[in-house]
Amino acid sequence: MIIVHVNKSWPFVQEGRMDEAEAVLGVWPIAEDKLAAYGDVLLAVFDNIVVAAYDIEDHTRDEDKKVTFIGNKSQAWAHLVGQPNPGTHWGRQGDAWPVRYVDTAIVTGGDVSVESTHEGRRAVVDGFTFLVGADLNATVIVPAGRAVTVRAA
């Protein structure tokens, strides 16, 4: 799964000045190995919320090696629209790279053991994503329709 940050183009979509597909499928800096490993689904994220989901059918590369996707709105992944970004959130200072990658199995509900990321330690259990940062603060991403109860230790 490829996640693109449409922070610059999505406001134009909201204003009706740009087509959604143009904003989402547009030109992205993606290496060939990443495209091969993660190029099944394309999610667009604005303000760390999924705003569009596309099934990737094909792609083209321009002279700068940037990718433009060919795809259609996804029925299989439409339930993610309106949900929090399933990948690493944007928003930290210096966090400008517009593309992230997530193994599709993480989002389909498969469990992922604790792994170290540049943000901290992350695990996925029954669709719930847990992230504990270096500052020891935790973030929990909850699947739609589920609840979280927090208890003091």
N, C-alpha and C. Protein backbone atom coordinates (compact mmCIF):
# COMPACT_ATOMS: atom_id res chain seq x y z
N MET A 1 0.84 -1.16 0.00
CA MET A 1 0.00 0.00 0.00
C MET A 1 0.90 1.24 0.00
N ILE A 2 0.62 2.12 -0.95
CA ILE A 2 1.35 3.38 -1.05
C ILE A 2 0.44 4.48 -0.53
N ILE A 3 0.97 5.30 0.36
CA ILE A 3 0.20 6.40 0.94
C ILE A 3 0.84 7.71 0.50
N VAL A 4 0.05 8.57 -0.12
CA VAL A 4 0.57 9.85 -0.60
C VAL A 4 -0.08 10.99 0.17
N HIS A 5 0.74 12.00 0.44
CA HIS A 5 0.31 13.16 1.20
C HIS A 5 -0.15 14.24 0.23
N VAL A 6 -1.45 14.48 0.17
CA VAL A 6 -2.01 15.43 -0.78
C VAL A 6 -2.28 16.79 -0.13
N ASN A 7 -1.38 17.17 0.76
CA ASN A 7 -1.57 18.42 1.50
C ASN A 7 -1.61 19.66 0.61
N LYS A 8 -0.93 19.63 -0.52
CA LYS A 8 -0.92 20.80 -1.40
C LYS A 8 -2.05 20.77 -2.41
N SER A 9 -2.40 19.58 -2.91
CA SER A 9 -3.41 19.49 -3.96
C SER A 9 -4.83 19.31 -3.46
N TRP A 10 -5.04 18.72 -2.28
CA TRP A 10 -6.39 18.43 -1.81
C TRP A 10 -7.24 19.68 -1.59
N PRO A 11 -6.68 20.79 -1.10
CA PRO A 11 -7.52 22.00 -1.00
C PRO A 11 -8.12 22.43 -2.34
N PHE A 12 -7.40 22.19 -3.43
CA PHE A 12 -7.94 22.51 -4.76
C PHE A 12 -9.10 21.59 -5.12
N VAL A 13 -9.02 20.34 -4.69
CA VAL A 13 -10.12 19.39 -4.90
C VAL A 13 -11.34 19.86 -4.10
N GLN A 14 -11.12 20.25 -2.86
CA GLN A 14 -12.21 20.72 -2.01
C GLN A 14 -12.89 21.96 -2.58
N GLU A 15 -12.11 22.80 -3.26
CA GLU A 15 -12.65 24.02 -3.86
C GLU A 15 -13.25 23.77 -5.25
N GLY A 16 -13.13 22.54 -5.76
CA GLY A 16 -13.65 22.22 -7.09
C GLY A 16 -12.75 22.70 -8.22
N ARG A 17 -11.51 23.04 -7.91
CA ARG A 17 -10.58 23.55 -8.93
C ARG A 17 -9.67 22.45 -9.49
N MET A 18 -9.73 21.22 -8.91
CA MET A 18 -8.91 20.12 -9.39
C MET A 18 -9.72 18.83 -9.24
N ASP A 19 -9.53 17.95 -10.19
CA ASP A 19 -10.16 16.64 -10.15
C ASP A 19 -9.48 15.77 -9.10
N GLU A 20 -10.26 14.98 -8.35
CA GLU A 20 -9.70 14.12 -7.32
C GLU A 20 -8.64 13.17 -7.87
N ALA A 21 -8.94 12.54 -8.98
CA ALA A 21 -7.98 11.58 -9.56
C ALA A 21 -6.66 12.26 -9.91
N GLU A 22 -6.72 13.47 -10.42
CA GLU A 22 -5.50 14.21 -10.75
C GLU A 22 -4.67 14.47 -9.49
N ALA A 23 -5.33 14.83 -8.41
CA ALA A 23 -4.63 15.12 -7.16
C ALA A 23 -4.01 13.86 -6.56
N VAL A 24 -4.70 12.74 -6.67
CA VAL A 24 -4.25 11.51 -6.03
C VAL A 24 -3.28 10.72 -6.90
N LEU A 25 -3.63 10.53 -8.15
CA LEU A 25 -2.82 9.70 -9.05
C LEU A 25 -1.60 10.44 -9.56
N GLY A 26 -1.57 11.75 -9.39
CA GLY A 26 -0.53 12.66 -9.87
C GLY A 26 0.90 12.19 -9.77
N VAL A 27 1.83 13.02 -9.90
CA VAL A 27 3.26 12.70 -10.04
C VAL A 27 3.90 12.52 -8.66
N TRP A 28 4.48 11.31 -8.42
CA TRP A 28 5.05 10.98 -7.11
C TRP A 28 6.45 10.40 -7.23
N PRO A 29 7.34 10.75 -6.31
CA PRO A 29 8.71 10.21 -6.33
C PRO A 29 8.77 8.83 -5.67
N ILE A 30 8.66 7.80 -6.49
CA ILE A 30 8.62 6.43 -5.97
C ILE A 30 9.64 5.58 -6.72
N ALA A 31 10.52 4.95 -5.97
CA ALA A 31 11.53 4.07 -6.56
C ALA A 31 10.88 2.78 -7.06
N GLU A 32 11.50 2.17 -8.05
CA GLU A 32 10.95 0.96 -8.66
C GLU A 32 10.79 -0.18 -7.66
N ASP A 33 11.74 -0.35 -6.74
CA ASP A 33 11.62 -1.44 -5.76
C ASP A 33 10.44 -1.21 -4.82
N LYS A 34 10.18 0.03 -4.44
CA LYS A 34 9.03 0.34 -3.58
C LYS A 34 7.73 0.12 -4.33
N LEU A 35 7.72 0.49 -5.59
CA LEU A 35 6.53 0.30 -6.41
C LEU A 35 6.21 -1.19 -6.54
N ALA A 36 7.23 -1.99 -6.75
CA ALA A 36 7.04 -3.44 -6.87
C ALA A 36 6.53 -4.06 -5.57
N ALA A 37 7.03 -3.59 -4.44
CA ALA A 37 6.68 -4.16 -3.15
C ALA A 37 5.33 -3.67 -2.61
N TYR A 38 4.96 -2.43 -2.90
CA TYR A 38 3.79 -1.83 -2.26
C TYR A 38 2.72 -1.34 -3.25
N GLY A 39 2.91 -1.55 -4.54
CA GLY A 39 2.07 -0.93 -5.55
C GLY A 39 0.75 -1.59 -5.87
N ASP A 40 -0.01 -1.99 -4.86
CA ASP A 40 -1.32 -2.57 -5.12
C ASP A 40 -2.45 -1.58 -4.87
N VAL A 41 -2.29 -0.73 -3.87
CA VAL A 41 -3.32 0.21 -3.45
C VAL A 41 -2.68 1.57 -3.22
N LEU A 42 -3.40 2.62 -3.55
CA LEU A 42 -2.93 3.98 -3.34
C LEU A 42 -3.93 4.70 -2.44
N LEU A 43 -3.46 5.16 -1.29
CA LEU A 43 -4.30 5.96 -0.40
C LEU A 43 -3.80 7.40 -0.43
N ALA A 44 -4.74 8.33 -0.45
CA ALA A 44 -4.41 9.75 -0.35
C ALA A 44 -4.78 10.22 1.04
N VAL A 45 -3.86 10.96 1.68
CA VAL A 45 -4.06 11.43 3.04
C VAL A 45 -3.94 12.94 3.08
N PHE A 46 -4.91 13.57 3.74
CA PHE A 46 -4.90 15.02 3.97
C PHE A 46 -5.21 15.23 5.45
N ASP A 47 -4.39 15.98 6.12
CA ASP A 47 -4.55 16.23 7.56
C ASP A 47 -4.62 14.92 8.34
N ASN A 48 -3.79 13.95 7.90
CA ASN A 48 -3.68 12.61 8.50
C ASN A 48 -4.98 11.82 8.51
N ILE A 49 -5.88 12.13 7.58
CA ILE A 49 -7.11 11.38 7.37
C ILE A 49 -7.12 10.91 5.91
N VAL A 50 -7.50 9.66 5.70
CA VAL A 50 -7.59 9.12 4.34
C VAL A 50 -8.75 9.82 3.63
N VAL A 51 -8.46 10.42 2.47
CA VAL A 51 -9.49 11.13 1.71
C VAL A 51 -9.86 10.42 0.42
N ALA A 52 -9.03 9.46 -0.01
CA ALA A 52 -9.33 8.72 -1.24
C ALA A 52 -8.53 7.42 -1.25
N ALA A 53 -9.12 6.42 -1.92
CA ALA A 53 -8.46 5.12 -2.07
C ALA A 53 -8.62 4.66 -3.51
N TYR A 54 -7.51 4.24 -4.12
CA TYR A 54 -7.51 3.81 -5.51
C TYR A 54 -6.82 2.46 -5.65
N ASP A 55 -7.39 1.61 -6.50
CA ASP A 55 -6.70 0.38 -6.89
C ASP A 55 -5.75 0.76 -8.02
N ILE A 56 -4.50 0.37 -7.89
CA ILE A 56 -3.50 0.70 -8.90
C ILE A 56 -3.55 -0.35 -10.01
N GLU A 57 -3.74 0.11 -11.24
CA GLU A 57 -3.78 -0.79 -12.39
C GLU A 57 -2.47 -0.77 -13.17
N ASP A 58 -1.85 0.40 -13.23
CA ASP A 58 -0.61 0.55 -13.99
C ASP A 58 0.01 1.89 -13.59
N HIS A 59 1.12 2.24 -14.23
CA HIS A 59 1.76 3.51 -13.96
C HIS A 59 2.63 3.90 -15.15
N THR A 60 2.99 5.17 -15.18
CA THR A 60 3.96 5.68 -16.15
C THR A 60 5.03 6.43 -15.36
N ARG A 61 6.19 6.60 -15.99
CA ARG A 61 7.27 7.38 -15.38
C ARG A 61 7.62 8.53 -16.33
N ASP A 62 7.88 9.69 -15.74
CA ASP A 62 8.31 10.82 -16.56
C ASP A 62 9.83 10.85 -16.65
N GLU A 63 10.37 11.86 -17.29
CA GLU A 63 11.82 11.95 -17.47
C GLU A 63 12.57 12.15 -16.16
N ASP A 64 11.88 12.61 -15.12
CA ASP A 64 12.48 12.76 -13.80
C ASP A 64 12.31 11.51 -12.94
N LYS A 65 11.82 10.42 -13.56
CA LYS A 65 11.62 9.12 -12.89
C LYS A 65 10.46 9.15 -11.89
N LYS A 66 9.60 10.16 -11.95
CA LYS A 66 8.45 10.23 -11.06
C LYS A 66 7.28 9.46 -11.66
N VAL A 67 6.44 8.93 -10.79
CA VAL A 67 5.37 8.02 -11.18
C VAL A 67 4.02 8.74 -11.22
N THR A 68 3.27 8.46 -12.28
CA THR A 68 1.85 8.83 -12.35
C THR A 68 1.09 7.52 -12.45
N PHE A 69 0.12 7.33 -11.58
CA PHE A 69 -0.62 6.08 -11.53
C PHE A 69 -1.82 6.09 -12.46
N ILE A 70 -2.19 4.90 -12.88
CA ILE A 70 -3.43 4.67 -13.60
C ILE A 70 -4.23 3.75 -12.68
N GLY A 71 -5.41 4.18 -12.31
CA GLY A 71 -6.20 3.38 -11.38
C GLY A 71 -7.62 3.88 -11.28
N ASN A 72 -8.41 3.15 -10.51
CA ASN A 72 -9.81 3.49 -10.29
C ASN A 72 -10.09 3.54 -8.80
N LYS A 73 -11.13 4.31 -8.44
CA LYS A 73 -11.52 4.36 -7.03
C LYS A 73 -11.77 2.94 -6.55
N SER A 74 -11.24 2.65 -5.38
CA SER A 74 -11.30 1.30 -4.85
C SER A 74 -12.58 1.05 -4.07
N GLN A 75 -13.24 -0.04 -4.40
CA GLN A 75 -14.38 -0.48 -3.60
C GLN A 75 -13.90 -1.24 -2.37
N ALA A 76 -12.83 -2.03 -2.56
CA ALA A 76 -12.31 -2.86 -1.48
C ALA A 76 -11.73 -2.02 -0.34
N TRP A 77 -11.21 -0.84 -0.65
CA TRP A 77 -10.56 -0.01 0.35
C TRP A 77 -11.33 1.26 0.66
N ALA A 78 -12.54 1.39 0.13
CA ALA A 78 -13.35 2.60 0.35
C ALA A 78 -13.65 2.82 1.83
N HIS A 79 -13.68 1.75 2.63
CA HIS A 79 -13.98 1.88 4.05
C HIS A 79 -12.90 2.66 4.80
N LEU A 80 -11.72 2.82 4.21
CA LEU A 80 -10.66 3.57 4.86
C LEU A 80 -10.83 5.08 4.73
N VAL A 81 -11.63 5.51 3.74
CA VAL A 81 -11.86 6.94 3.55
C VAL A 81 -12.56 7.49 4.80
N GLY A 82 -11.99 8.55 5.35
CA GLY A 82 -12.51 9.16 6.57
C GLY A 82 -11.85 8.62 7.83
N GLN A 83 -11.01 7.60 7.68
CA GLN A 83 -10.31 7.01 8.82
C GLN A 83 -8.91 7.63 8.96
N PRO A 84 -8.29 7.48 10.12
CA PRO A 84 -6.93 7.99 10.29
C PRO A 84 -5.93 7.30 9.35
N ASN A 85 -4.92 8.01 9.00
CA ASN A 85 -3.82 7.49 8.19
C ASN A 85 -3.33 6.18 8.81
N PRO A 86 -3.35 5.06 8.07
CA PRO A 86 -2.89 3.80 8.64
C PRO A 86 -1.37 3.69 8.73
N GLY A 87 -0.68 4.62 8.14
CA GLY A 87 0.78 4.62 8.18
C GLY A 87 1.30 5.65 9.16
N THR A 88 2.56 5.98 9.02
CA THR A 88 3.18 6.99 9.85
C THR A 88 2.56 8.35 9.53
N HIS A 89 2.17 9.06 10.55
CA HIS A 89 1.51 10.35 10.35
C HIS A 89 2.49 11.43 9.94
N TRP A 90 1.98 12.35 9.12
CA TRP A 90 2.76 13.53 8.78
C TRP A 90 2.52 14.60 9.83
N GLY A 91 3.45 15.54 9.94
CA GLY A 91 3.22 16.66 10.83
C GLY A 91 4.42 17.07 11.64
N ARG A 92 5.44 16.22 11.69
CA ARG A 92 6.63 16.61 12.45
C ARG A 92 7.44 17.60 11.63
N GLN A 93 8.16 18.46 12.29
CA GLN A 93 9.01 19.43 11.60
C GLN A 93 10.03 18.69 10.75
N GLY A 94 10.21 19.13 9.52
CA GLY A 94 11.14 18.50 8.61
C GLY A 94 10.59 17.25 7.95
N ASP A 95 9.32 16.98 8.14
CA ASP A 95 8.67 15.77 7.64
C ASP A 95 7.98 16.08 6.32
N ALA A 96 8.76 16.26 5.26
CA ALA A 96 8.20 16.75 4.01
C ALA A 96 8.06 15.69 2.91
N TRP A 97 8.67 14.51 3.04
CA TRP A 97 8.59 13.52 1.97
C TRP A 97 7.14 13.12 1.77
N PRO A 98 6.60 13.20 0.55
CA PRO A 98 5.16 13.03 0.34
C PRO A 98 4.65 11.60 0.19
N VAL A 99 5.52 10.60 0.33
CA VAL A 99 5.10 9.22 0.09
C VAL A 99 5.51 8.34 1.26
N ARG A 100 4.60 7.47 1.69
CA ARG A 100 4.87 6.48 2.73
C ARG A 100 4.42 5.12 2.22
N TYR A 101 4.88 4.07 2.87
CA TYR A 101 4.56 2.71 2.45
C TYR A 101 4.12 1.90 3.66
N VAL A 102 3.09 1.09 3.47
CA VAL A 102 2.61 0.20 4.52
C VAL A 102 2.31 -1.14 3.87
N ASP A 103 2.74 -2.20 4.51
CA ASP A 103 2.40 -3.53 4.03
C ASP A 103 0.89 -3.68 4.11
N THR A 104 0.26 -4.02 3.01
CA THR A 104 -1.19 -4.13 2.96
C THR A 104 -1.73 -5.08 4.02
N ALA A 105 -0.96 -6.10 4.39
CA ALA A 105 -1.39 -7.05 5.42
C ALA A 105 -1.64 -6.38 6.75
N ILE A 106 -0.94 -5.30 7.03
CA ILE A 106 -1.16 -4.58 8.29
C ILE A 106 -2.56 -3.99 8.32
N VAL A 107 -3.00 -3.48 7.19
CA VAL A 107 -4.29 -2.81 7.13
C VAL A 107 -5.44 -3.81 7.00
N THR A 108 -5.17 -4.99 6.47
CA THR A 108 -6.23 -5.99 6.30
C THR A 108 -6.56 -6.71 7.58
N GLY A 109 -5.93 -6.36 8.67
CA GLY A 109 -6.28 -6.95 9.94
C GLY A 109 -5.30 -7.98 10.44
N GLY A 110 -4.28 -8.25 9.67
CA GLY A 110 -3.27 -9.20 10.13
C GLY A 110 -2.47 -8.60 11.26
N ASP A 111 -2.00 -9.44 12.17
CA ASP A 111 -1.20 -8.95 13.29
C ASP A 111 0.24 -8.76 12.85
N VAL A 112 0.88 -7.74 13.40
CA VAL A 112 2.28 -7.47 13.13
C VAL A 112 2.97 -7.34 14.48
N SER A 113 3.99 -8.13 14.68
CA SER A 113 4.73 -8.08 15.93
C SER A 113 5.38 -6.72 16.10
N VAL A 114 5.84 -6.48 17.31
CA VAL A 114 6.49 -5.20 17.59
C VAL A 114 7.68 -5.03 16.67
N GLU A 115 7.73 -3.86 16.04
CA GLU A 115 8.85 -3.53 15.16
C GLU A 115 9.32 -2.12 15.49
N SER A 116 10.58 -1.88 15.32
CA SER A 116 11.13 -0.55 15.53
C SER A 116 11.00 0.24 14.25
N THR A 117 10.52 1.49 14.37
CA THR A 117 10.42 2.40 13.24
C THR A 117 11.15 3.68 13.63
N HIS A 118 11.27 4.60 12.68
CA HIS A 118 11.92 5.87 13.04
C HIS A 118 11.08 6.68 14.01
N GLU A 119 9.79 6.35 14.16
CA GLU A 119 8.92 7.05 15.10
C GLU A 119 8.97 6.44 16.50
N GLY A 120 9.31 5.17 16.59
CA GLY A 120 9.29 4.47 17.87
C GLY A 120 9.00 3.00 17.62
N ARG A 121 8.35 2.36 18.58
CA ARG A 121 8.00 0.94 18.43
C ARG A 121 6.53 0.85 18.04
N ARG A 122 6.24 -0.08 17.12
CA ARG A 122 4.89 -0.19 16.56
C ARG A 122 4.48 -1.65 16.53
N ALA A 123 3.18 -1.90 16.80
CA ALA A 123 2.62 -3.24 16.70
C ALA A 123 1.18 -3.13 16.21
N VAL A 124 0.70 -4.17 15.54
CA VAL A 124 -0.69 -4.22 15.09
C VAL A 124 -1.28 -5.51 15.64
N VAL A 125 -2.41 -5.38 16.32
CA VAL A 125 -3.11 -6.53 16.88
C VAL A 125 -4.59 -6.41 16.53
N ASP A 126 -5.11 -7.39 15.80
CA ASP A 126 -6.53 -7.40 15.40
C ASP A 126 -6.98 -6.08 14.80
N GLY A 127 -6.14 -5.44 14.01
CA GLY A 127 -6.48 -4.20 13.35
C GLY A 127 -6.19 -2.94 14.14
N PHE A 128 -5.91 -3.07 15.44
CA PHE A 128 -5.53 -1.91 16.26
C PHE A 128 -4.04 -1.69 16.09
N THR A 129 -3.63 -0.46 15.82
CA THR A 129 -2.22 -0.13 15.67
C THR A 129 -1.78 0.64 16.91
N PHE A 130 -0.69 0.17 17.50
CA PHE A 130 -0.14 0.80 18.70
C PHE A 130 1.25 1.32 18.38
N LEU A 131 1.50 2.57 18.71
CA LEU A 131 2.81 3.17 18.49
C LEU A 131 3.25 3.83 19.79
N VAL A 132 4.43 3.47 20.25
CA VAL A 132 5.02 4.12 21.42
C VAL A 132 6.27 4.84 20.95
N GLY A 133 6.25 6.17 21.04
CA GLY A 133 7.35 6.98 20.55
C GLY A 133 8.53 7.01 21.50
N ALA A 134 9.61 7.60 21.04
CA ALA A 134 10.82 7.72 21.86
C ALA A 134 10.55 8.52 23.13
N ASP A 135 9.54 9.40 23.09
CA ASP A 135 9.18 10.18 24.27
C ASP A 135 8.27 9.40 25.23
N LEU A 136 8.01 8.12 24.90
CA LEU A 136 7.17 7.20 25.67
C LEU A 136 5.70 7.58 25.69
N ASN A 137 5.27 8.45 24.78
CA ASN A 137 3.86 8.73 24.59
C ASN A 137 3.32 7.75 23.56
N ALA A 138 2.07 7.33 23.74
CA ALA A 138 1.49 6.30 22.88
C ALA A 138 0.42 6.88 21.96
N THR A 139 0.32 6.30 20.76
CA THR A 139 -0.73 6.59 19.81
C THR A 139 -1.41 5.27 19.49
N VAL A 140 -2.74 5.27 19.48
CA VAL A 140 -3.51 4.08 19.14
C VAL A 140 -4.41 4.43 17.97
N ILE A 141 -4.33 3.66 16.88
CA ILE A 141 -5.22 3.84 15.74
C ILE A 141 -6.24 2.71 15.83
N VAL A 142 -7.51 3.09 15.90
CA VAL A 142 -8.59 2.16 16.18
C VAL A 142 -9.40 1.90 14.90
N PRO A 143 -9.67 0.64 14.59
CA PRO A 143 -10.50 0.34 13.42
C PRO A 143 -11.90 0.95 13.57
N ALA A 144 -12.51 1.29 12.45
CA ALA A 144 -13.85 1.86 12.47
C ALA A 144 -14.82 0.93 13.20
N GLY A 145 -15.66 1.51 14.04
CA GLY A 145 -16.67 0.74 14.75
C GLY A 145 -16.18 0.05 16.01
N ARG A 146 -14.93 0.22 16.36
CA ARG A 146 -14.36 -0.41 17.55
C ARG A 146 -14.17 0.65 18.63
N ALA A 147 -13.91 0.23 19.85
CA ALA A 147 -13.76 1.15 20.97
C ALA A 147 -12.46 0.87 21.72
N VAL A 148 -12.01 1.85 22.48
CA VAL A 148 -10.82 1.70 23.31
C VAL A 148 -11.19 2.09 24.74
N THR A 149 -10.73 1.30 25.67
CA THR A 149 -10.86 1.63 27.10
C THR A 149 -9.45 1.79 27.63
N VAL A 150 -9.22 2.89 28.35
CA VAL A 150 -7.90 3.15 28.92
C VAL A 150 -8.02 3.05 30.43
N ARG A 151 -7.13 2.27 31.04
CA ARG A 151 -7.11 2.12 32.48
C ARG A 151 -5.73 2.50 33.00
N ALA A 152 -5.70 3.17 34.13
CA ALA A 152 -4.41 3.53 34.72
C ALA A 152 -3.75 2.28 35.28
N ALA A 153 -2.42 2.22 35.19
CA ALA A 153 -1.68 1.07 35.69
C ALA A 153 -1.71 1.02 37.19
